[in-house]
Amino acid sequence: FTYDPCFQHCCPDSYRGKYIVVNKTRGG
């Protein structure tokens, strides 16, 4: 995966051994 660091997060999922790219929330 690739992601935009200003609008997304790269989330490693250690339980499943995968990576997830999610959009940033305003307050998150």
mmCIF file of all heavy atoms, coordinates in Angstrom:
data_MODEL
# 
_entry.id   MODEL 
# 
loop_
_atom_site.group_PDB 
_atom_site.id 
_atom_site.type_symbol 
_atom_site.label_atom_id 
_atom_site.label_alt_id 
_atom_site.label_comp_id 
_atom_site.label_asym_id 
_atom_site.label_entity_id 
_atom_site.label_seq_id 
_atom_site.pdbx_PDB_ins_code 
_atom_site.Cartn_x 
_atom_site.Cartn_y 
_atom_site.Cartn_z 
_atom_site.occupancy 
_atom_site.B_iso_or_equiv 
_atom_site.pdbx_formal_charge 
_atom_site.auth_seq_id 
_atom_site.auth_comp_id 
_atom_site.auth_asym_id 
_atom_site.auth_atom_id 
_atom_site.pdbx_PDB_model_num 
ATOM 1   N N   . PHE A 1 1  ? 0.819   -1.209  0.000  1.00 0.00 ? 1  PHE A N   1 
ATOM 2   C CA  . PHE A 1 1  ? 0.000   0.000   0.000  1.00 0.00 ? 1  PHE A CA  1 
ATOM 3   C C   . PHE A 1 1  ? 0.857   1.264   0.000  1.00 0.00 ? 1  PHE A C   1 
ATOM 4   O O   . PHE A 1 1  ? 1.994   1.260   0.454  1.00 0.00 ? 1  PHE A O   1 
ATOM 5   C CB  . PHE A 1 1  ? -0.911  0.060   1.235  1.00 0.00 ? 1  PHE A CB  1 
ATOM 6   C CG  . PHE A 1 1  ? -1.935  -1.023  1.289  1.00 0.00 ? 1  PHE A CG  1 
ATOM 7   C CD1 . PHE A 1 1  ? -1.861  -2.010  2.247  1.00 0.00 ? 1  PHE A CD1 1 
ATOM 8   C CD2 . PHE A 1 1  ? -2.972  -1.062  0.383  1.00 0.00 ? 1  PHE A CD2 1 
ATOM 9   C CE1 . PHE A 1 1  ? -2.808  -3.013  2.315  1.00 0.00 ? 1  PHE A CE1 1 
ATOM 10  C CE2 . PHE A 1 1  ? -3.924  -2.055  0.431  1.00 0.00 ? 1  PHE A CE2 1 
ATOM 11  C CZ  . PHE A 1 1  ? -3.838  -3.044  1.411  1.00 0.00 ? 1  PHE A CZ  1 
ATOM 12  N N   . THR A 1 2  ? 0.274   2.347   -0.521 1.00 0.00 ? 2  THR A N   1 
ATOM 13  C CA  . THR A 1 2  ? 0.845   3.685   -0.367 1.00 0.00 ? 2  THR A CA  1 
ATOM 14  C C   . THR A 1 2  ? -0.224  4.553   0.288  1.00 0.00 ? 2  THR A C   1 
ATOM 15  O O   . THR A 1 2  ? -1.414  4.254   0.194  1.00 0.00 ? 2  THR A O   1 
ATOM 16  C CB  . THR A 1 2  ? 1.258   4.311   -1.710 1.00 0.00 ? 2  THR A CB  1 
ATOM 17  O OG1 . THR A 1 2  ? 0.119   4.395   -2.549 1.00 0.00 ? 2  THR A OG1 1 
ATOM 18  C CG2 . THR A 1 2  ? 2.369   3.512   -2.377 1.00 0.00 ? 2  THR A CG2 1 
ATOM 19  N N   . TYR A 1 3  ? 0.208   5.611   0.949  1.00 0.00 ? 3  TYR A N   1 
ATOM 20  C CA  . TYR A 1 3  ? -0.747  6.502   1.601  1.00 0.00 ? 3  TYR A CA  1 
ATOM 21  C C   . TYR A 1 3  ? -0.225  7.922   1.596  1.00 0.00 ? 3  TYR A C   1 
ATOM 22  O O   . TYR A 1 3  ? 0.962   8.170   1.417  1.00 0.00 ? 3  TYR A O   1 
ATOM 23  C CB  . TYR A 1 3  ? -1.058  6.032   3.025  1.00 0.00 ? 3  TYR A CB  1 
ATOM 24  C CG  . TYR A 1 3  ? 0.043   6.278   4.037  1.00 0.00 ? 3  TYR A CG  1 
ATOM 25  C CD1 . TYR A 1 3  ? -0.066  7.307   4.967  1.00 0.00 ? 3  TYR A CD1 1 
ATOM 26  C CD2 . TYR A 1 3  ? 1.188   5.491   4.068  1.00 0.00 ? 3  TYR A CD2 1 
ATOM 27  C CE1 . TYR A 1 3  ? 0.937   7.541   5.891  1.00 0.00 ? 3  TYR A CE1 1 
ATOM 28  C CE2 . TYR A 1 3  ? 2.185   5.717   4.987  1.00 0.00 ? 3  TYR A CE2 1 
ATOM 29  C CZ  . TYR A 1 3  ? 2.052   6.734   5.902  1.00 0.00 ? 3  TYR A CZ  1 
ATOM 30  O OH  . TYR A 1 3  ? 3.036   6.977   6.813  1.00 0.00 ? 3  TYR A OH  1 
ATOM 31  N N   . ASP A 1 4  ? -1.126  8.855   1.772  1.00 0.00 ? 4  ASP A N   1 
ATOM 32  C CA  . ASP A 1 4  ? -0.823  10.279  1.834  1.00 0.00 ? 4  ASP A CA  1 
ATOM 33  C C   . ASP A 1 4  ? -0.753  10.664  3.312  1.00 0.00 ? 4  ASP A C   1 
ATOM 34  O O   . ASP A 1 4  ? -1.767  10.646  4.001  1.00 0.00 ? 4  ASP A O   1 
ATOM 35  C CB  . ASP A 1 4  ? -1.927  11.057  1.124  1.00 0.00 ? 4  ASP A CB  1 
ATOM 36  C CG  . ASP A 1 4  ? -1.685  12.538  1.133  1.00 0.00 ? 4  ASP A CG  1 
ATOM 37  O OD1 . ASP A 1 4  ? -0.834  13.014  1.903  1.00 0.00 ? 4  ASP A OD1 1 
ATOM 38  O OD2 . ASP A 1 4  ? -2.361  13.241  0.369  1.00 0.00 ? 4  ASP A OD2 1 
ATOM 39  N N   . PRO A 1 5  ? 0.426   11.002  3.834  1.00 0.00 ? 5  PRO A N   1 
ATOM 40  C CA  . PRO A 1 5  ? 0.568   11.243  5.276  1.00 0.00 ? 5  PRO A CA  1 
ATOM 41  C C   . PRO A 1 5  ? -0.208  12.450  5.783  1.00 0.00 ? 5  PRO A C   1 
ATOM 42  O O   . PRO A 1 5  ? -0.429  12.569  6.990  1.00 0.00 ? 5  PRO A O   1 
ATOM 43  C CB  . PRO A 1 5  ? 2.070   11.438  5.462  1.00 0.00 ? 5  PRO A CB  1 
ATOM 44  C CG  . PRO A 1 5  ? 2.557   11.895  4.139  1.00 0.00 ? 5  PRO A CG  1 
ATOM 45  C CD  . PRO A 1 5  ? 1.678   11.219  3.123  1.00 0.00 ? 5  PRO A CD  1 
ATOM 46  N N   . CYS A 1 6  ? -0.637  13.338  4.903  1.00 0.00 ? 6  CYS A N   1 
ATOM 47  C CA  . CYS A 1 6  ? -1.391  14.501  5.369  1.00 0.00 ? 6  CYS A CA  1 
ATOM 48  C C   . CYS A 1 6  ? -2.881  14.210  5.505  1.00 0.00 ? 6  CYS A C   1 
ATOM 49  O O   . CYS A 1 6  ? -3.588  14.933  6.183  1.00 0.00 ? 6  CYS A O   1 
ATOM 50  C CB  . CYS A 1 6  ? -1.166  15.686  4.440  1.00 0.00 ? 6  CYS A CB  1 
ATOM 51  S SG  . CYS A 1 6  ? 0.501   16.329  4.605  1.00 0.00 ? 6  CYS A SG  1 
ATOM 52  N N   . PHE A 1 7  ? -3.355  13.158  4.859  1.00 0.00 ? 7  PHE A N   1 
ATOM 53  C CA  . PHE A 1 7  ? -4.785  12.871  4.897  1.00 0.00 ? 7  PHE A CA  1 
ATOM 54  C C   . PHE A 1 7  ? -5.112  11.449  5.338  1.00 0.00 ? 7  PHE A C   1 
ATOM 55  O O   . PHE A 1 7  ? -6.274  11.115  5.519  1.00 0.00 ? 7  PHE A O   1 
ATOM 56  C CB  . PHE A 1 7  ? -5.405  13.120  3.510  1.00 0.00 ? 7  PHE A CB  1 
ATOM 57  C CG  . PHE A 1 7  ? -5.193  14.523  3.026  1.00 0.00 ? 7  PHE A CG  1 
ATOM 58  C CD1 . PHE A 1 7  ? -4.260  14.798  2.051  1.00 0.00 ? 7  PHE A CD1 1 
ATOM 59  C CD2 . PHE A 1 7  ? -5.903  15.578  3.579  1.00 0.00 ? 7  PHE A CD2 1 
ATOM 60  C CE1 . PHE A 1 7  ? -4.050  16.094  1.612  1.00 0.00 ? 7  PHE A CE1 1 
ATOM 61  C CE2 . PHE A 1 7  ? -5.696  16.873  3.142  1.00 0.00 ? 7  PHE A CE2 1 
ATOM 62  C CZ  . PHE A 1 7  ? -4.770  17.133  2.164  1.00 0.00 ? 7  PHE A CZ  1 
ATOM 63  N N   . GLN A 1 8  ? -4.093  10.610  5.499  1.00 0.00 ? 8  GLN A N   1 
ATOM 64  C CA  . GLN A 1 8  ? -4.338  9.218   5.850  1.00 0.00 ? 8  GLN A CA  1 
ATOM 65  C C   . GLN A 1 8  ? -3.328  8.740   6.893  1.00 0.00 ? 8  GLN A C   1 
ATOM 66  O O   . GLN A 1 8  ? -2.283  9.352   7.078  1.00 0.00 ? 8  GLN A O   1 
ATOM 67  C CB  . GLN A 1 8  ? -4.224  8.327   4.602  1.00 0.00 ? 8  GLN A CB  1 
ATOM 68  C CG  . GLN A 1 8  ? -5.241  8.636   3.535  1.00 0.00 ? 8  GLN A CG  1 
ATOM 69  C CD  . GLN A 1 8  ? -4.984  7.861   2.254  1.00 0.00 ? 8  GLN A CD  1 
ATOM 70  O OE1 . GLN A 1 8  ? -3.843  7.706   1.830  1.00 0.00 ? 8  GLN A OE1 1 
ATOM 71  N NE2 . GLN A 1 8  ? -6.053  7.361   1.654  1.00 0.00 ? 8  GLN A NE2 1 
ATOM 72  N N   . HIS A 1 9  ? -3.675  7.641   7.547  1.00 0.00 ? 9  HIS A N   1 
ATOM 73  C CA  . HIS A 1 9  ? -2.769  6.957   8.478  1.00 0.00 ? 9  HIS A CA  1 
ATOM 74  C C   . HIS A 1 9  ? -2.462  5.573   7.925  1.00 0.00 ? 9  HIS A C   1 
ATOM 75  O O   . HIS A 1 9  ? -3.328  4.934   7.329  1.00 0.00 ? 9  HIS A O   1 
ATOM 76  C CB  . HIS A 1 9  ? -3.411  6.766   9.856  1.00 0.00 ? 9  HIS A CB  1 
ATOM 77  C CG  . HIS A 1 9  ? -3.635  8.015   10.628 1.00 0.00 ? 9  HIS A CG  1 
ATOM 78  N ND1 . HIS A 1 9  ? -2.620  8.847   11.022 1.00 0.00 ? 9  HIS A ND1 1 
ATOM 79  C CD2 . HIS A 1 9  ? -4.774  8.564   11.107 1.00 0.00 ? 9  HIS A CD2 1 
ATOM 80  C CE1 . HIS A 1 9  ? -3.127  9.858   11.709 1.00 0.00 ? 9  HIS A CE1 1 
ATOM 81  N NE2 . HIS A 1 9  ? -4.442  9.710   11.764 1.00 0.00 ? 9  HIS A NE2 1 
ATOM 82  N N   . CYS A 1 10 ? -1.253  5.110   8.173  1.00 0.00 ? 10 CYS A N   1 
ATOM 83  C CA  . CYS A 1 10 ? -0.886  3.733   7.883  1.00 0.00 ? 10 CYS A CA  1 
ATOM 84  C C   . CYS A 1 10 ? -0.964  2.987   9.208  1.00 0.00 ? 10 CYS A C   1 
ATOM 85  O O   . CYS A 1 10 ? -0.244  3.305   10.154 1.00 0.00 ? 10 CYS A O   1 
ATOM 86  C CB  . CYS A 1 10 ? 0.527   3.665   7.316  1.00 0.00 ? 10 CYS A CB  1 
ATOM 87  S SG  . CYS A 1 10 ? 1.104   1.979   7.046  1.00 0.00 ? 10 CYS A SG  1 
ATOM 88  N N   . CYS A 1 11 ? -1.859  2.009   9.279  1.00 0.00 ? 11 CYS A N   1 
ATOM 89  C CA  . CYS A 1 11 ? -2.099  1.300   10.534 1.00 0.00 ? 11 CYS A CA  1 
ATOM 90  C C   . CYS A 1 11 ? -1.653  -0.153  10.418 1.00 0.00 ? 11 CYS A C   1 
ATOM 91  O O   . CYS A 1 11 ? -2.297  -0.948  9.738  1.00 0.00 ? 11 CYS A O   1 
ATOM 92  C CB  . CYS A 1 11 ? -3.585  1.336   10.880 1.00 0.00 ? 11 CYS A CB  1 
ATOM 93  S SG  . CYS A 1 11 ? -4.297  2.987   10.919 1.00 0.00 ? 11 CYS A SG  1 
ATOM 94  N N   . PRO A 1 12 ? -0.553  -0.519  11.087 1.00 0.00 ? 12 PRO A N   1 
ATOM 95  C CA  . PRO A 1 12 ? -0.171  -1.933  11.090 1.00 0.00 ? 12 PRO A CA  1 
ATOM 96  C C   . PRO A 1 12 ? -1.128  -2.700  11.992 1.00 0.00 ? 12 PRO A C   1 
ATOM 97  O O   . PRO A 1 12 ? -1.448  -2.279  13.093 1.00 0.00 ? 12 PRO A O   1 
ATOM 98  C CB  . PRO A 1 12 ? 1.249   -1.925  11.644 1.00 0.00 ? 12 PRO A CB  1 
ATOM 99  C CG  . PRO A 1 12 ? 1.393   -0.632  12.354 1.00 0.00 ? 12 PRO A CG  1 
ATOM 100 C CD  . PRO A 1 12 ? 0.395   0.320   11.774 1.00 0.00 ? 12 PRO A CD  1 
ATOM 101 N N   . ASP A 1 13 ? -1.630  -3.822  11.509 1.00 0.00 ? 13 ASP A N   1 
ATOM 102 C CA  . ASP A 1 13 ? -2.528  -4.669  12.282 1.00 0.00 ? 13 ASP A CA  1 
ATOM 103 C C   . ASP A 1 13 ? -1.722  -5.889  12.727 1.00 0.00 ? 13 ASP A C   1 
ATOM 104 O O   . ASP A 1 13 ? -1.575  -6.861  11.990 1.00 0.00 ? 13 ASP A O   1 
ATOM 105 C CB  . ASP A 1 13 ? -3.724  -5.079  11.416 1.00 0.00 ? 13 ASP A CB  1 
ATOM 106 C CG  . ASP A 1 13 ? -4.790  -5.809  12.214 1.00 0.00 ? 13 ASP A CG  1 
ATOM 107 O OD1 . ASP A 1 13 ? -4.511  -6.208  13.365 1.00 0.00 ? 13 ASP A OD1 1 
ATOM 108 O OD2 . ASP A 1 13 ? -5.895  -5.979  11.680 1.00 0.00 ? 13 ASP A OD2 1 
ATOM 109 N N   . SER A 1 14 ? -1.189  -5.823  13.933 1.00 0.00 ? 14 SER A N   1 
ATOM 110 C CA  . SER A 1 14 ? -0.301  -6.880  14.410 1.00 0.00 ? 14 SER A CA  1 
ATOM 111 C C   . SER A 1 14 ? -1.037  -8.201  14.622 1.00 0.00 ? 14 SER A C   1 
ATOM 112 O O   . SER A 1 14 ? -0.446  -9.265  14.551 1.00 0.00 ? 14 SER A O   1 
ATOM 113 C CB  . SER A 1 14 ? 0.391   -6.453  15.701 1.00 0.00 ? 14 SER A CB  1 
ATOM 114 O OG  . SER A 1 14 ? -0.572  -6.152  16.689 1.00 0.00 ? 14 SER A OG  1 
ATOM 115 N N   . TYR A 1 15 ? -2.343  -8.158  14.884 1.00 0.00 ? 15 TYR A N   1 
ATOM 116 C CA  . TYR A 1 15 ? -3.105  -9.389  15.093 1.00 0.00 ? 15 TYR A CA  1 
ATOM 117 C C   . TYR A 1 15 ? -3.246  -10.187 13.810 1.00 0.00 ? 15 TYR A C   1 
ATOM 118 O O   . TYR A 1 15 ? -3.174  -11.401 13.802 1.00 0.00 ? 15 TYR A O   1 
ATOM 119 C CB  . TYR A 1 15 ? -4.503  -9.079  15.648 1.00 0.00 ? 15 TYR A CB  1 
ATOM 120 C CG  . TYR A 1 15 ? -4.464  -8.381  16.987 1.00 0.00 ? 15 TYR A CG  1 
ATOM 121 C CD1 . TYR A 1 15 ? -4.917  -7.077  17.117 1.00 0.00 ? 15 TYR A CD1 1 
ATOM 122 C CD2 . TYR A 1 15 ? -3.962  -9.023  18.111 1.00 0.00 ? 15 TYR A CD2 1 
ATOM 123 C CE1 . TYR A 1 15 ? -4.872  -6.428  18.338 1.00 0.00 ? 15 TYR A CE1 1 
ATOM 124 C CE2 . TYR A 1 15 ? -3.909  -8.393  19.339 1.00 0.00 ? 15 TYR A CE2 1 
ATOM 125 C CZ  . TYR A 1 15 ? -4.373  -7.092  19.448 1.00 0.00 ? 15 TYR A CZ  1 
ATOM 126 O OH  . TYR A 1 15 ? -4.326  -6.449  20.654 1.00 0.00 ? 15 TYR A OH  1 
ATOM 127 N N   . ARG A 1 16 ? -3.484  -9.506  12.710 1.00 0.00 ? 16 ARG A N   1 
ATOM 128 C CA  . ARG A 1 16 ? -3.687  -10.175 11.425 1.00 0.00 ? 16 ARG A CA  1 
ATOM 129 C C   . ARG A 1 16 ? -2.431  -10.167 10.556 1.00 0.00 ? 16 ARG A C   1 
ATOM 130 O O   . ARG A 1 16 ? -2.412  -10.759 9.493  1.00 0.00 ? 16 ARG A O   1 
ATOM 131 C CB  . ARG A 1 16 ? -4.830  -9.494  10.668 1.00 0.00 ? 16 ARG A CB  1 
ATOM 132 C CG  . ARG A 1 16 ? -6.138  -9.589  11.398 1.00 0.00 ? 16 ARG A CG  1 
ATOM 133 C CD  . ARG A 1 16 ? -7.236  -8.926  10.602 1.00 0.00 ? 16 ARG A CD  1 
ATOM 134 N NE  . ARG A 1 16 ? -8.426  -8.785  11.423 1.00 0.00 ? 16 ARG A NE  1 
ATOM 135 C CZ  . ARG A 1 16 ? -9.232  -7.762  11.409 1.00 0.00 ? 16 ARG A CZ  1 
ATOM 136 N NH1 . ARG A 1 16 ? -9.009  -6.764  10.594 1.00 0.00 ? 16 ARG A NH1 1 
ATOM 137 N NH2 . ARG A 1 16 ? -10.281 -7.715  12.191 1.00 0.00 ? 16 ARG A NH2 1 
ATOM 138 N N   . GLY A 1 17 ? -1.410  -9.421  10.966 1.00 0.00 ? 17 GLY A N   1 
ATOM 139 C CA  . GLY A 1 17 ? -0.180  -9.332  10.178 1.00 0.00 ? 17 GLY A CA  1 
ATOM 140 C C   . GLY A 1 17 ? -0.369  -8.570  8.881  1.00 0.00 ? 17 GLY A C   1 
ATOM 141 O O   . GLY A 1 17 ? 0.279   -8.852  7.891  1.00 0.00 ? 17 GLY A O   1 
ATOM 142 N N   . LYS A 1 18 ? -1.302  -7.605  8.869  1.00 0.00 ? 18 LYS A N   1 
ATOM 143 C CA  . LYS A 1 18 ? -1.589  -6.815  7.677  1.00 0.00 ? 18 LYS A CA  1 
ATOM 144 C C   . LYS A 1 18 ? -1.451  -5.332  7.977  1.00 0.00 ? 18 LYS A C   1 
ATOM 145 O O   . LYS A 1 18 ? -1.300  -4.932  9.118  1.00 0.00 ? 18 LYS A O   1 
ATOM 146 C CB  . LYS A 1 18 ? -3.023  -7.095  7.197  1.00 0.00 ? 18 LYS A CB  1 
ATOM 147 C CG  . LYS A 1 18 ? -3.264  -8.509  6.760  1.00 0.00 ? 18 LYS A CG  1 
ATOM 148 C CD  . LYS A 1 18 ? -4.680  -8.660  6.282  1.00 0.00 ? 18 LYS A CD  1 
ATOM 149 C CE  . LYS A 1 18 ? -4.951  -10.085 5.823  1.00 0.00 ? 18 LYS A CE  1 
ATOM 150 N NZ  . LYS A 1 18 ? -6.312  -10.239 5.337  1.00 0.00 ? 18 LYS A NZ  1 
ATOM 151 N N   . TYR A 1 19 ? -1.542  -4.542  6.935  1.00 0.00 ? 19 TYR A N   1 
ATOM 152 C CA  . TYR A 1 19 ? -1.544  -3.093  7.054  1.00 0.00 ? 19 TYR A CA  1 
ATOM 153 C C   . TYR A 1 19 ? -2.870  -2.558  6.535  1.00 0.00 ? 19 TYR A C   1 
ATOM 154 O O   . TYR A 1 19 ? -3.427  -3.084  5.580  1.00 0.00 ? 19 TYR A O   1 
ATOM 155 C CB  . TYR A 1 19 ? -0.387  -2.469  6.267  1.00 0.00 ? 19 TYR A CB  1 
ATOM 156 C CG  . TYR A 1 19 ? 0.956   -2.746  6.868  1.00 0.00 ? 19 TYR A CG  1 
ATOM 157 C CD1 . TYR A 1 19 ? 1.634   -3.910  6.572  1.00 0.00 ? 19 TYR A CD1 1 
ATOM 158 C CD2 . TYR A 1 19 ? 1.539   -1.836  7.737  1.00 0.00 ? 19 TYR A CD2 1 
ATOM 159 C CE1 . TYR A 1 19 ? 2.878   -4.170  7.132  1.00 0.00 ? 19 TYR A CE1 1 
ATOM 160 C CE2 . TYR A 1 19 ? 2.779   -2.088  8.303  1.00 0.00 ? 19 TYR A CE2 1 
ATOM 161 C CZ  . TYR A 1 19 ? 3.440   -3.259  7.996  1.00 0.00 ? 19 TYR A CZ  1 
ATOM 162 O OH  . TYR A 1 19 ? 4.652   -3.504  8.546  1.00 0.00 ? 19 TYR A OH  1 
ATOM 163 N N   . ILE A 1 20 ? -3.342  -1.486  7.160  1.00 0.00 ? 20 ILE A N   1 
ATOM 164 C CA  . ILE A 1 20 ? -4.585  -0.843  6.753  1.00 0.00 ? 20 ILE A CA  1 
ATOM 165 C C   . ILE A 1 20 ? -4.283  0.640   6.543  1.00 0.00 ? 20 ILE A C   1 
ATOM 166 O O   . ILE A 1 20 ? -3.585  1.245   7.348  1.00 0.00 ? 20 ILE A O   1 
ATOM 167 C CB  . ILE A 1 20 ? -5.668  -0.971  7.849  1.00 0.00 ? 20 ILE A CB  1 
ATOM 168 C CG1 . ILE A 1 20 ? -5.900  -2.425  8.235  1.00 0.00 ? 20 ILE A CG1 1 
ATOM 169 C CG2 . ILE A 1 20 ? -6.972  -0.347  7.388  1.00 0.00 ? 20 ILE A CG2 1 
ATOM 170 C CD1 . ILE A 1 20 ? -6.725  -2.571  9.493  1.00 0.00 ? 20 ILE A CD1 1 
ATOM 171 N N   . VAL A 1 21 ? -4.815  1.223   5.481  1.00 0.00 ? 21 VAL A N   1 
ATOM 172 C CA  . VAL A 1 21 ? -4.710  2.665   5.249  1.00 0.00 ? 21 VAL A CA  1 
ATOM 173 C C   . VAL A 1 21 ? -6.086  3.264   5.536  1.00 0.00 ? 21 VAL A C   1 
ATOM 174 O O   . VAL A 1 21 ? -7.079  2.839   4.960  1.00 0.00 ? 21 VAL A O   1 
ATOM 175 C CB  . VAL A 1 21 ? -4.272  2.978   3.808  1.00 0.00 ? 21 VAL A CB  1 
ATOM 176 C CG1 . VAL A 1 21 ? -4.288  4.471   3.554  1.00 0.00 ? 21 VAL A CG1 1 
ATOM 177 C CG2 . VAL A 1 21 ? -2.886  2.410   3.552  1.00 0.00 ? 21 VAL A CG2 1 
ATOM 178 N N   . VAL A 1 22 ? -6.144  4.215   6.479  1.00 0.00 ? 22 VAL A N   1 
ATOM 179 C CA  . VAL A 1 22 ? -7.419  4.836   6.840  1.00 0.00 ? 22 VAL A CA  1 
ATOM 180 C C   . VAL A 1 22 ? -7.321  6.350   6.680  1.00 0.00 ? 22 VAL A C   1 
ATOM 181 O O   . VAL A 1 22 ? -6.246  6.935   6.829  1.00 0.00 ? 22 VAL A O   1 
ATOM 182 C CB  . VAL A 1 22 ? -7.847  4.496   8.290  1.00 0.00 ? 22 VAL A CB  1 
ATOM 183 C CG1 . VAL A 1 22 ? -8.086  3.018   8.446  1.00 0.00 ? 22 VAL A CG1 1 
ATOM 184 C CG2 . VAL A 1 22 ? -6.838  4.984   9.304  1.00 0.00 ? 22 VAL A CG2 1 
ATOM 185 N N   . ASN A 1 23 ? -8.439  6.964   6.371  1.00 0.00 ? 23 ASN A N   1 
ATOM 186 C CA  . ASN A 1 23 ? -8.490  8.425   6.280  1.00 0.00 ? 23 ASN A CA  1 
ATOM 187 C C   . ASN A 1 23 ? -8.484  9.021   7.674  1.00 0.00 ? 23 ASN A C   1 
ATOM 188 O O   . ASN A 1 23 ? -9.071  8.461   8.608  1.00 0.00 ? 23 ASN A O   1 
ATOM 189 C CB  . ASN A 1 23 ? -9.751  8.875   5.536  1.00 0.00 ? 23 ASN A CB  1 
ATOM 190 C CG  . ASN A 1 23 ? -9.693  8.525   4.070  1.00 0.00 ? 23 ASN A CG  1 
ATOM 191 O OD1 . ASN A 1 23 ? -8.617  8.425   3.495  1.00 0.00 ? 23 ASN A OD1 1 
ATOM 192 N ND2 . ASN A 1 23 ? -10.834 8.321   3.462  1.00 0.00 ? 23 ASN A ND2 1 
ATOM 193 N N   . LYS A 1 24 ? -7.833  10.149  7.817  1.00 0.00 ? 24 LYS A N   1 
ATOM 194 C CA  . LYS A 1 24 ? -7.797  10.842  9.107  1.00 0.00 ? 24 LYS A CA  1 
ATOM 195 C C   . LYS A 1 24 ? -9.160  11.465  9.385  1.00 0.00 ? 24 LYS A C   1 
ATOM 196 O O   . LYS A 1 24 ? -9.808  11.987  8.490  1.00 0.00 ? 24 LYS A O   1 
ATOM 197 C CB  . LYS A 1 24 ? -6.744  11.946  9.095  1.00 0.00 ? 24 LYS A CB  1 
ATOM 198 C CG  . LYS A 1 24 ? -5.334  11.433  9.034  1.00 0.00 ? 24 LYS A CG  1 
ATOM 199 C CD  . LYS A 1 24 ? -4.355  12.578  9.075  1.00 0.00 ? 24 LYS A CD  1 
ATOM 200 C CE  . LYS A 1 24 ? -2.937  12.043  9.058  1.00 0.00 ? 24 LYS A CE  1 
ATOM 201 N NZ  . LYS A 1 24 ? -1.952  13.126  9.121  1.00 0.00 ? 24 LYS A NZ  1 
ATOM 202 N N   . THR A 1 25 ? -9.557  11.412  10.636 1.00 0.00 ? 25 THR A N   1 
ATOM 203 C CA  . THR A 1 25 ? -10.763 12.111  11.044 1.00 0.00 ? 25 THR A CA  1 
ATOM 204 C C   . THR A 1 25 ? -10.349 13.461  11.591 1.00 0.00 ? 25 THR A C   1 
ATOM 205 O O   . THR A 1 25 ? -9.198  13.659  11.974 1.00 0.00 ? 25 THR A O   1 
ATOM 206 C CB  . THR A 1 25 ? -11.541 11.320  12.115 1.00 0.00 ? 25 THR A CB  1 
ATOM 207 O OG1 . THR A 1 25 ? -10.693 11.107  13.243 1.00 0.00 ? 25 THR A OG1 1 
ATOM 208 C CG2 . THR A 1 25 ? -12.015 9.987   11.561 1.00 0.00 ? 25 THR A CG2 1 
ATOM 209 N N   . ARG A 1 26 ? -11.278 14.386  11.645 1.00 0.00 ? 26 ARG A N   1 
ATOM 210 C CA  . ARG A 1 26 ? -10.922 15.754  12.072 1.00 0.00 ? 26 ARG A CA  1 
ATOM 211 C C   . ARG A 1 26 ? -10.358 15.801  13.482 1.00 0.00 ? 26 ARG A C   1 
ATOM 212 O O   . ARG A 1 26 ? -9.363  16.421  13.734 1.00 0.00 ? 26 ARG A O   1 
ATOM 213 C CB  . ARG A 1 26 ? -12.138 16.657  11.976 1.00 0.00 ? 26 ARG A CB  1 
ATOM 214 C CG  . ARG A 1 26 ? -12.428 17.017  10.561 1.00 0.00 ? 26 ARG A CG  1 
ATOM 215 C CD  . ARG A 1 26 ? -13.471 18.068  10.494 1.00 0.00 ? 26 ARG A CD  1 
ATOM 216 N NE  . ARG A 1 26 ? -13.614 18.441  9.108  1.00 0.00 ? 26 ARG A NE  1 
ATOM 217 C CZ  . ARG A 1 26 ? -13.971 19.616  8.720  1.00 0.00 ? 26 ARG A CZ  1 
ATOM 218 N NH1 . ARG A 1 26 ? -14.278 20.540  9.582  1.00 0.00 ? 26 ARG A NH1 1 
ATOM 219 N NH2 . ARG A 1 26 ? -14.056 19.889  7.456  1.00 0.00 ? 26 ARG A NH2 1 
ATOM 220 N N   . GLY A 1 27 ? -11.035 15.151  14.422 1.00 0.00 ? 27 GLY A N   1 
ATOM 221 C CA  . GLY A 1 27 ? -10.580 15.243  15.809 1.00 0.00 ? 27 GLY A CA  1 
ATOM 222 C C   . GLY A 1 27 ? -9.762  14.059  16.254 1.00 0.00 ? 27 GLY A C   1 
ATOM 223 O O   . GLY A 1 27 ? -9.254  14.024  17.362 1.00 0.00 ? 27 GLY A O   1 
ATOM 224 N N   . GLY A 1 28 ? -9.629  13.066  15.383 1.00 0.00 ? 28 GLY A N   1 
ATOM 225 C CA  . GLY A 1 28 ? -8.964  11.837  15.779 1.00 0.00 ? 28 GLY A CA  1 
ATOM 226 C C   . GLY A 1 28 ? -7.460  11.916  15.744 1.00 0.00 ? 28 GLY A C   1 
ATOM 227 O O   . GLY A 1 28 ? -6.867  12.768  15.096 1.00 0.00 ? 28 GLY A O   1 
# 
